[in-house]
Amino acid sequence: MRTVNIHEAKTHLSLLVEKAAHGEPFVIAKAGKPMVKVIALTAPTGEGIKRLGFMRGEILVPDDFDHMASQEIQQLFDGEA
């Protein structure tokens, strides 16, 4: 496994991260002392992720949904409740 010092890691971070993402992990060292190990994460593939509309046909919304309880709501705003 490759070990790089902090200065080299800062200078070549994009290249090092790209290599790590493709299975070549590396260690960042400070004054020759290993500090961190950089390895690739396994990204989600998108399988099993629910999409918008997944409950289409399962819920029935009444036609007067936008006006339901409008009188009661108005009374609450007016302080009459």
PDB file of N, CA and C in Angstrom:
ATOM      1  N   MET A   1       0.839  -1.172   0.000  1.00  0.00           N
ATOM      2  CA  MET A   1       0.000   0.000   0.000  1.00  0.00           C
ATOM      3  C   MET A   1       0.890   1.242   0.000  1.00  0.00           C
ATOM      4  N   ARG A   2       0.510   2.197  -0.807  1.00  0.00           N
ATOM      5  CA  ARG A   2       1.312   3.415  -0.960  1.00  0.00           C
ATOM      6  C   ARG A   2       1.128   4.340   0.249  1.00  0.00           C
ATOM      7  N   THR A   3       2.230   4.942   0.689  1.00  0.00           N
ATOM      8  CA  THR A   3       2.199   5.939   1.750  1.00  0.00           C
ATOM      9  C   THR A   3       2.689   7.261   1.173  1.00  0.00           C
ATOM     10  N   VAL A   4       1.923   8.326   1.405  1.00  0.00           N
ATOM     11  CA  VAL A   4       2.294   9.651   0.921  1.00  0.00           C
ATOM     12  C   VAL A   4       2.300  10.625   2.085  1.00  0.00           C
ATOM     13  N   ASN A   5       3.167  11.646   2.015  1.00  0.00           N
ATOM     14  CA  ASN A   5       3.161  12.644   3.073  1.00  0.00           C
ATOM     15  C   ASN A   5       2.042  13.652   2.802  1.00  0.00           C
ATOM     16  N   ILE A   6       1.733  14.467   3.788  1.00  0.00           N
ATOM     17  CA  ILE A   6       0.614  15.398   3.686  1.00  0.00           C
ATOM     18  C   ILE A   6       0.788  16.356   2.504  1.00  0.00           C
ATOM     19  N   HIS A   7       1.988  16.876   2.322  1.00  0.00           N
ATOM     20  CA  HIS A   7       2.215  17.813   1.225  1.00  0.00           C
ATOM     21  C   HIS A   7       1.920  17.163  -0.124  1.00  0.00           C
ATOM     22  N   GLU A   8       2.410  15.950  -0.321  1.00  0.00           N
ATOM     23  CA  GLU A   8       2.153  15.239  -1.571  1.00  0.00           C
ATOM     24  C   GLU A   8       0.666  14.948  -1.727  1.00  0.00           C
ATOM     25  N   ALA A   9       0.003  14.596  -0.622  1.00  0.00           N
ATOM     26  CA  ALA A   9      -1.430  14.305  -0.681  1.00  0.00           C
ATOM     27  C   ALA A   9      -2.217  15.550  -1.090  1.00  0.00           C
ATOM     28  N   LYS A  10      -1.849  16.718  -0.547  1.00  0.00           N
ATOM     29  CA  LYS A  10      -2.537  17.954  -0.919  1.00  0.00           C
ATOM     30  C   LYS A  10      -2.287  18.294  -2.384  1.00  0.00           C
ATOM     31  N   THR A  11      -1.066  18.082  -2.835  1.00  0.00           N
ATOM     32  CA  THR A  11      -0.701  18.423  -4.203  1.00  0.00           C
ATOM     33  C   THR A  11      -1.398  17.530  -5.215  1.00  0.00           C
ATOM     34  N   HIS A  12      -1.546  16.257  -4.906  1.00  0.00           N
ATOM     35  CA  HIS A  12      -2.071  15.273  -5.855  1.00  0.00           C
ATOM     36  C   HIS A  12      -3.368  14.630  -5.362  1.00  0.00           C
ATOM     37  N   LEU A  13      -4.156  15.371  -4.570  1.00  0.00           N
ATOM     38  CA  LEU A  13      -5.336  14.774  -3.954  1.00  0.00           C
ATOM     39  C   LEU A  13      -6.311  14.180  -4.968  1.00  0.00           C
ATOM     40  N   SER A  14      -6.617  14.903  -6.029  1.00  0.00           N
ATOM     41  CA  SER A  14      -7.582  14.405  -7.018  1.00  0.00           C
ATOM     42  C   SER A  14      -7.136  13.066  -7.609  1.00  0.00           C
ATOM     43  N   LEU A  15      -5.870  12.975  -7.981  1.00  0.00           N
ATOM     44  CA  LEU A  15      -5.341  11.734  -8.560  1.00  0.00           C
ATOM     45  C   LEU A  15      -5.363  10.607  -7.531  1.00  0.00           C
ATOM     46  N   LEU A  16      -4.935  10.895  -6.311  1.00  0.00           N
ATOM     47  CA  LEU A  16      -4.909   9.871  -5.262  1.00  0.00           C
ATOM     48  C   LEU A  16      -6.316   9.358  -4.936  1.00  0.00           C
ATOM     49  N   VAL A  17      -7.280  10.279  -4.855  1.00  0.00           N
ATOM     50  CA  VAL A  17      -8.653   9.872  -4.560  1.00  0.00           C
ATOM     51  C   VAL A  17      -9.211   9.035  -5.699  1.00  0.00           C
ATOM     52  N   GLU A  18      -8.924   9.427  -6.923  1.00  0.00           N
ATOM     53  CA  GLU A  18      -9.386   8.643  -8.076  1.00  0.00           C
ATOM     54  C   GLU A  18      -8.832   7.220  -8.029  1.00  0.00           C
ATOM     55  N   LYS A  19      -7.547   7.095  -7.716  1.00  0.00           N
ATOM     56  CA  LYS A  19      -6.942   5.757  -7.613  1.00  0.00           C
ATOM     57  C   LYS A  19      -7.561   4.954  -6.469  1.00  0.00           C
ATOM     58  N   ALA A  20      -7.795   5.623  -5.336  1.00  0.00           N
ATOM     59  CA  ALA A  20      -8.411   4.935  -4.195  1.00  0.00           C
ATOM     60  C   ALA A  20      -9.815   4.453  -4.556  1.00  0.00           C
ATOM     61  N   ALA A  21     -10.547   5.265  -5.295  1.00  0.00           N
ATOM     62  CA  ALA A  21     -11.903   4.889  -5.711  1.00  0.00           C
ATOM     63  C   ALA A  21     -11.895   3.673  -6.621  1.00  0.00           C
ATOM     64  N   HIS A  22     -10.771   3.453  -7.296  1.00  0.00           N
ATOM     65  CA  HIS A  22     -10.646   2.296  -8.180  1.00  0.00           C
ATOM     66  C   HIS A  22      -9.878   1.147  -7.532  1.00  0.00           C
ATOM     67  N   GLY A  23      -9.830   1.132  -6.203  1.00  0.00           N
ATOM     68  CA  GLY A  23      -9.273  -0.019  -5.491  1.00  0.00           C
ATOM     69  C   GLY A  23      -7.818   0.077  -5.094  1.00  0.00           C
ATOM     70  N   GLU A  24      -7.225   1.261  -5.131  1.00  0.00           N
ATOM     71  CA  GLU A  24      -5.834   1.423  -4.712  1.00  0.00           C
ATOM     72  C   GLU A  24      -5.771   2.336  -3.484  1.00  0.00           C
ATOM     73  N   PRO A  25      -6.051   1.790  -2.297  1.00  0.00           N
ATOM     74  CA  PRO A  25      -6.030   2.619  -1.095  1.00  0.00           C
ATOM     75  C   PRO A  25      -4.625   3.153  -0.814  1.00  0.00           C
ATOM     76  N   PHE A  26      -4.552   4.223  -0.030  1.00  0.00           N
ATOM     77  CA  PHE A  26      -3.257   4.782   0.332  1.00  0.00           C
ATOM     78  C   PHE A  26      -3.308   5.321   1.755  1.00  0.00           C
ATOM     79  N   VAL A  27      -2.125   5.558   2.309  1.00  0.00           N
ATOM     80  CA  VAL A  27      -1.990   6.070   3.673  1.00  0.00           C
ATOM     81  C   VAL A  27      -1.364   7.458   3.594  1.00  0.00           C
ATOM     82  N   ILE A  28      -1.916   8.389   4.382  1.00  0.00           N
ATOM     83  CA  ILE A  28      -1.320   9.714   4.488  1.00  0.00           C
ATOM     84  C   ILE A  28      -0.540   9.761   5.796  1.00  0.00           C
ATOM     85  N   ALA A  29       0.732  10.185   5.674  1.00  0.00           N
ATOM     86  CA  ALA A  29       1.617  10.219   6.840  1.00  0.00           C
ATOM     87  C   ALA A  29       2.054  11.653   7.129  1.00  0.00           C
ATOM     88  N   LYS A  30       2.347  11.909   8.395  1.00  0.00           N
ATOM     89  CA  LYS A  30       2.880  13.205   8.819  1.00  0.00           C
ATOM     90  C   LYS A  30       4.220  12.932   9.485  1.00  0.00           C
ATOM     91  N   ALA A  31       5.262  13.514   8.914  1.00  0.00           N
ATOM     92  CA  ALA A  31       6.628  13.293   9.408  1.00  0.00           C
ATOM     93  C   ALA A  31       6.954  11.796   9.460  1.00  0.00           C
ATOM     94  N   GLY A  32       6.468  11.062   8.455  1.00  0.00           N
ATOM     95  CA  GLY A  32       6.756   9.632   8.371  1.00  0.00           C
ATOM     96  C   GLY A  32       5.854   8.757   9.224  1.00  0.00           C
ATOM     97  N   LYS A  33       4.991   9.364  10.033  1.00  0.00           N
ATOM     98  CA  LYS A  33       4.090   8.601  10.896  1.00  0.00           C
ATOM     99  C   LYS A  33       2.725   8.476  10.223  1.00  0.00           C
ATOM    100  N   PRO A  34       2.265   7.252   9.954  1.00  0.00           N
ATOM    101  CA  PRO A  34       0.955   7.069   9.313  1.00  0.00           C
ATOM    102  C   PRO A  34      -0.155   7.694  10.153  1.00  0.00           C
ATOM    103  N   MET A  35      -1.011   8.476   9.472  1.00  0.00           N
ATOM    104  CA  MET A  35      -2.095   9.166  10.176  1.00  0.00           C
ATOM    105  C   MET A  35      -3.479   8.636   9.783  1.00  0.00           C
ATOM    106  N   VAL A  36      -3.713   8.498   8.479  1.00  0.00           N
ATOM    107  CA  VAL A  36      -5.023   8.042   8.009  1.00  0.00           C
ATOM    108  C   VAL A  36      -4.861   7.117   6.809  1.00  0.00           C
ATOM    109  N   LYS A  37      -5.866   6.275   6.627  1.00  0.00           N
ATOM    110  CA  LYS A  37      -5.903   5.395   5.470  1.00  0.00           C
ATOM    111  C   LYS A  37      -7.106   5.814   4.626  1.00  0.00           C
ATOM    112  N   VAL A  38      -6.891   5.995   3.331  1.00  0.00           N
ATOM    113  CA  VAL A  38      -7.955   6.389   2.423  1.00  0.00           C
ATOM    114  C   VAL A  38      -8.316   5.179   1.573  1.00  0.00           C
ATOM    115  N   ILE A  39      -9.591   4.779   1.660  1.00  0.00           N
ATOM    116  CA  ILE A  39     -10.082   3.631   0.891  1.00  0.00           C
ATOM    117  C   ILE A  39     -11.385   4.014   0.207  1.00  0.00           C
ATOM    118  N   ALA A  40     -11.756   3.269  -0.801  1.00  0.00           N
ATOM    119  CA  ALA A  40     -12.998   3.527  -1.540  1.00  0.00           C
ATOM    120  C   ALA A  40     -14.202   3.130  -0.697  1.00  0.00           C
ATOM    121  N   LEU A  41     -15.264   3.898  -0.844  1.00  0.00           N
ATOM    122  CA  LEU A  41     -16.544   3.548  -0.237  1.00  0.00           C
ATOM    123  C   LEU A  41     -17.367   2.801  -1.266  1.00  0.00           C
ATOM    124  N   THR A  42     -18.215   1.935  -0.796  1.00  0.00           N
ATOM    125  CA  THR A  42     -19.120   1.271  -1.717  1.00  0.00           C
ATOM    126  C   THR A  42     -20.344   2.158  -1.866  1.00  0.00           C
ATOM    127  N   ALA A  43     -20.566   2.650  -3.056  1.00  0.00           N
ATOM    128  CA  ALA A  43     -21.683   3.548  -3.326  1.00  0.00           C
ATOM    129  C   ALA A  43     -22.958   2.741  -3.540  1.00  0.00           C
ATOM    130  N   PRO A  44     -24.097   3.287  -3.121  1.00  0.00           N
ATOM    131  CA  PRO A  44     -25.359   2.583  -3.374  1.00  0.00           C
ATOM    132  C   PRO A  44     -25.623   2.480  -4.876  1.00  0.00           C
ATOM    133  N   THR A  45     -26.183   1.379  -5.284  1.00  0.00           N
ATOM    134  CA  THR A  45     -26.424   1.135  -6.707  1.00  0.00           C
ATOM    135  C   THR A  45     -27.743   1.708  -7.179  1.00  0.00           C
ATOM    136  N   GLY A  46     -28.592   2.114  -6.255  1.00  0.00           N
ATOM    137  CA  GLY A  46     -29.902   2.630  -6.640  1.00  0.00           C
ATOM    138  C   GLY A  46     -30.969   1.560  -6.614  1.00  0.00           C
ATOM    139  N   GLU A  47     -30.569   0.309  -6.447  1.00  0.00           N
ATOM    140  CA  GLU A  47     -31.549  -0.767  -6.363  1.00  0.00           C
ATOM    141  C   GLU A  47     -32.256  -0.680  -5.022  1.00  0.00           C
ATOM    142  N   GLY A  48     -33.544  -0.850  -5.053  1.00  0.00           N
ATOM    143  CA  GLY A  48     -34.328  -0.822  -3.830  1.00  0.00           C
ATOM    144  C   GLY A  48     -34.714   0.583  -3.380  1.00  0.00           C
ATOM    145  N   ILE A  49     -34.262   1.608  -4.100  1.00  0.00           N
ATOM    146  CA  ILE A  49     -34.645   2.966  -3.757  1.00  0.00           C
ATOM    147  C   ILE A  49     -36.034   3.225  -4.316  1.00  0.00           C
ATOM    148  N   LYS A  50     -36.917   3.682  -3.451  1.00  0.00           N
ATOM    149  CA  LYS A  50     -38.282   3.941  -3.897  1.00  0.00           C
ATOM    150  C   LYS A  50     -38.330   5.267  -4.646  1.00  0.00           C
ATOM    151  N   ARG A  51     -39.101   5.298  -5.664  1.00  0.00           N
ATOM    152  CA  ARG A  51     -39.254   6.479  -6.512  1.00  0.00           C
ATOM    153  C   ARG A  51     -40.580   7.173  -6.207  1.00  0.00           C
ATOM    154  N   LEU A  52     -40.674   8.427  -6.630  1.00  0.00           N
ATOM    155  CA  LEU A  52     -41.933   9.145  -6.501  1.00  0.00           C
ATOM    156  C   LEU A  52     -43.029   8.403  -7.243  1.00  0.00           C
ATOM    157  N   GLY A  53     -44.202   8.403  -6.662  1.00  0.00           N
ATOM    158  CA  GLY A  53     -45.324   7.738  -7.307  1.00  0.00           C
ATOM    159  C   GLY A  53     -45.437   6.263  -6.966  1.00  0.00           C
ATOM    160  N   PHE A  54     -44.623   5.776  -6.043  1.00  0.00           N
ATOM    161  CA  PHE A  54     -44.650   4.347  -5.742  1.00  0.00           C
ATOM    162  C   PHE A  54     -45.956   3.908  -5.087  1.00  0.00           C
ATOM    163  N   MET A  55     -46.760   4.859  -4.577  1.00  0.00           N
ATOM    164  CA  MET A  55     -48.043   4.502  -3.955  1.00  0.00           C
ATOM    165  C   MET A  55     -49.223   4.906  -4.832  1.00  0.00           C
ATOM    166  N   ARG A  56     -48.934   5.201  -6.092  1.00  0.00           N
ATOM    167  CA  ARG A  56     -50.007   5.586  -7.009  1.00  0.00           C
ATOM    168  C   ARG A  56     -51.096   4.504  -7.010  1.00  0.00           C
ATOM    169  N   GLY A  57     -52.340   4.949  -6.852  1.00  0.00           N
ATOM    170  CA  GLY A  57     -53.462   4.017  -6.839  1.00  0.00           C
ATOM    171  C   GLY A  57     -53.751   3.437  -5.469  1.00  0.00           C
ATOM    172  N   GLU A  58     -52.890   3.683  -4.484  1.00  0.00           N
ATOM    173  CA  GLU A  58     -53.074   3.137  -3.142  1.00  0.00           C
ATOM    174  C   GLU A  58     -53.811   4.102  -2.216  1.00  0.00           C
ATOM    175  N   ILE A  59     -53.785   5.384  -2.531  1.00  0.00           N
ATOM    176  CA  ILE A  59     -54.391   6.403  -1.670  1.00  0.00           C
ATOM    177  C   ILE A  59     -55.440   7.151  -2.475  1.00  0.00           C
ATOM    178  N   LEU A  60     -56.580   7.373  -1.862  1.00  0.00           N
ATOM    179  CA  LEU A  60     -57.658   8.098  -2.516  1.00  0.00           C
ATOM    180  C   LEU A  60     -57.771   9.477  -1.872  1.00  0.00           C
ATOM    181  N   VAL A  61     -57.617  10.528  -2.667  1.00  0.00           N
ATOM    182  CA  VAL A  61     -57.714  11.902  -2.169  1.00  0.00           C
ATOM    183  C   VAL A  61     -59.076  12.444  -2.568  1.00  0.00           C
ATOM    184  N   PRO A  62     -59.854  12.924  -1.584  1.00  0.00           N
ATOM    185  CA  PRO A  62     -61.183  13.442  -1.910  1.00  0.00           C
ATOM    186  C   PRO A  62     -61.101  14.674  -2.811  1.00  0.00           C
ATOM    187  N   ASP A  63     -62.135  14.879  -3.629  1.00  0.00           N
ATOM    188  CA  ASP A  63     -62.168  16.019  -4.546  1.00  0.00           C
ATOM    189  C   ASP A  63     -62.130  17.351  -3.805  1.00  0.00           C
ATOM    190  N   ASP A  64     -62.709  17.412  -2.597  1.00  0.00           N
ATOM    191  CA  ASP A  64     -62.753  18.666  -1.849  1.00  0.00           C
ATOM    192  C   ASP A  64     -61.582  18.791  -0.864  1.00  0.00           C
ATOM    193  N   PHE A  65     -60.505  18.108  -1.126  1.00  0.00           N
ATOM    194  CA  PHE A  65     -59.348  18.102  -0.223  1.00  0.00           C
ATOM    195  C   PHE A  65     -58.854  19.512   0.092  1.00  0.00           C
ATOM    196  N   ASP A  66     -58.815  20.374  -0.920  1.00  0.00           N
ATOM    197  CA  ASP A  66     -58.303  21.734  -0.722  1.00  0.00           C
ATOM    198  C   ASP A  66     -59.225  22.595   0.137  1.00  0.00           C
ATOM    199  N   HIS A  67     -60.465  22.167   0.313  1.00  0.00           N
ATOM    200  CA  HIS A  67     -61.433  22.979   1.058  1.00  0.00           C
ATOM    201  C   HIS A  67     -61.925  22.288   2.323  1.00  0.00           C
ATOM    202  N   MET A  68     -61.423  21.120   2.628  1.00  0.00           N
ATOM    203  CA  MET A  68     -61.866  20.374   3.806  1.00  0.00           C
ATOM    204  C   MET A  68     -61.613  21.184   5.065  1.00  0.00           C
ATOM    205  N   ALA A  69     -62.594  21.284   5.902  1.00  0.00           N
ATOM    206  CA  ALA A  69     -62.527  21.952   7.194  1.00  0.00           C
ATOM    207  C   ALA A  69     -62.144  23.422   7.069  1.00  0.00           C
ATOM    208  N   SER A  70     -62.427  24.040   5.932  1.00  0.00           N
ATOM    209  CA  SER A  70     -62.034  25.436   5.736  1.00  0.00           C
ATOM    210  C   SER A  70     -62.736  26.367   6.717  1.00  0.00           C
ATOM    211  N   GLN A  71     -63.995  26.075   7.049  1.00  0.00           N
ATOM    212  CA  GLN A  71     -64.713  26.919   8.008  1.00  0.00           C
ATOM    213  C   GLN A  71     -64.075  26.826   9.387  1.00  0.00           C
ATOM    214  N   GLU A  72     -63.747  25.618   9.807  1.00  0.00           N
ATOM    215  CA  GLU A  72     -63.127  25.435  11.117  1.00  0.00           C
ATOM    216  C   GLU A  72     -61.756  26.111  11.176  1.00  0.00           C
ATOM    217  N   ILE A  73     -61.007  26.007  10.105  1.00  0.00           N
ATOM    218  CA  ILE A  73     -59.672  26.640  10.051  1.00  0.00           C
ATOM    219  C   ILE A  73     -59.821  28.150  10.109  1.00  0.00           C
ATOM    220  N   GLN A  74     -60.790  28.693   9.375  1.00  0.00           N
ATOM    221  CA  GLN A  74     -61.009  30.150   9.391  1.00  0.00           C
ATOM    222  C   GLN A  74     -61.383  30.618  10.794  1.00  0.00           C
ATOM    223  N   GLN A  75     -62.230  29.840  11.474  1.00  0.00           N
ATOM    224  CA  GLN A  75     -62.627  30.190  12.846  1.00  0.00           C
ATOM    225  C   GLN A  75     -61.412  30.185  13.782  1.00  0.00           C
ATOM    226  N   LEU A  76     -60.514  29.245  13.581  1.00  0.00           N
ATOM    227  CA  LEU A  76     -59.294  29.201  14.407  1.00  0.00           C
ATOM    228  C   LEU A  76     -58.435  30.441  14.169  1.00  0.00           C
ATOM    229  N   PHE A  77     -58.321  30.857  12.914  1.00  0.00           N
ATOM    230  CA  PHE A  77     -57.554  32.060  12.604  1.00  0.00           C
ATOM    231  C   PHE A  77     -58.216  33.315  13.151  1.00  0.00           C
ATOM    232  N   ASP A  78     -59.530  33.331  13.150  1.00  0.00           N
ATOM    233  CA  ASP A  78     -60.262  34.495  13.632  1.00  0.00           C
ATOM    234  C   ASP A  78     -60.395  34.520  15.155  1.00  0.00           C
ATOM    235  N   GLY A  79     -59.992  33.444  15.801  1.00  0.00           N
ATOM    236  CA  GLY A  79     -60.084  33.364  17.262  1.00  0.00           C
ATOM    237  C   GLY A  79     -61.475  33.068  17.771  1.00  0.00           C
ATOM    238  N   GLU A  80     -62.297  32.491  16.922  1.00  0.00           N
ATOM    239  CA  GLU A  80     -63.686  32.193  17.312  1.00  0.00           C
ATOM    240  C   GLU A  80     -63.852  30.762  17.819  1.00  0.00           C
ATOM    241  N   ALA A  81     -62.838  29.984  17.827  1.00  0.00           N
ATOM    242  CA  ALA A  81     -62.967  28.576  18.201  1.00  0.00           C
ATOM    243  C   ALA A  81     -62.778  28.381  19.689  1.00  0.00           C
TER     244      ALA A  81
END
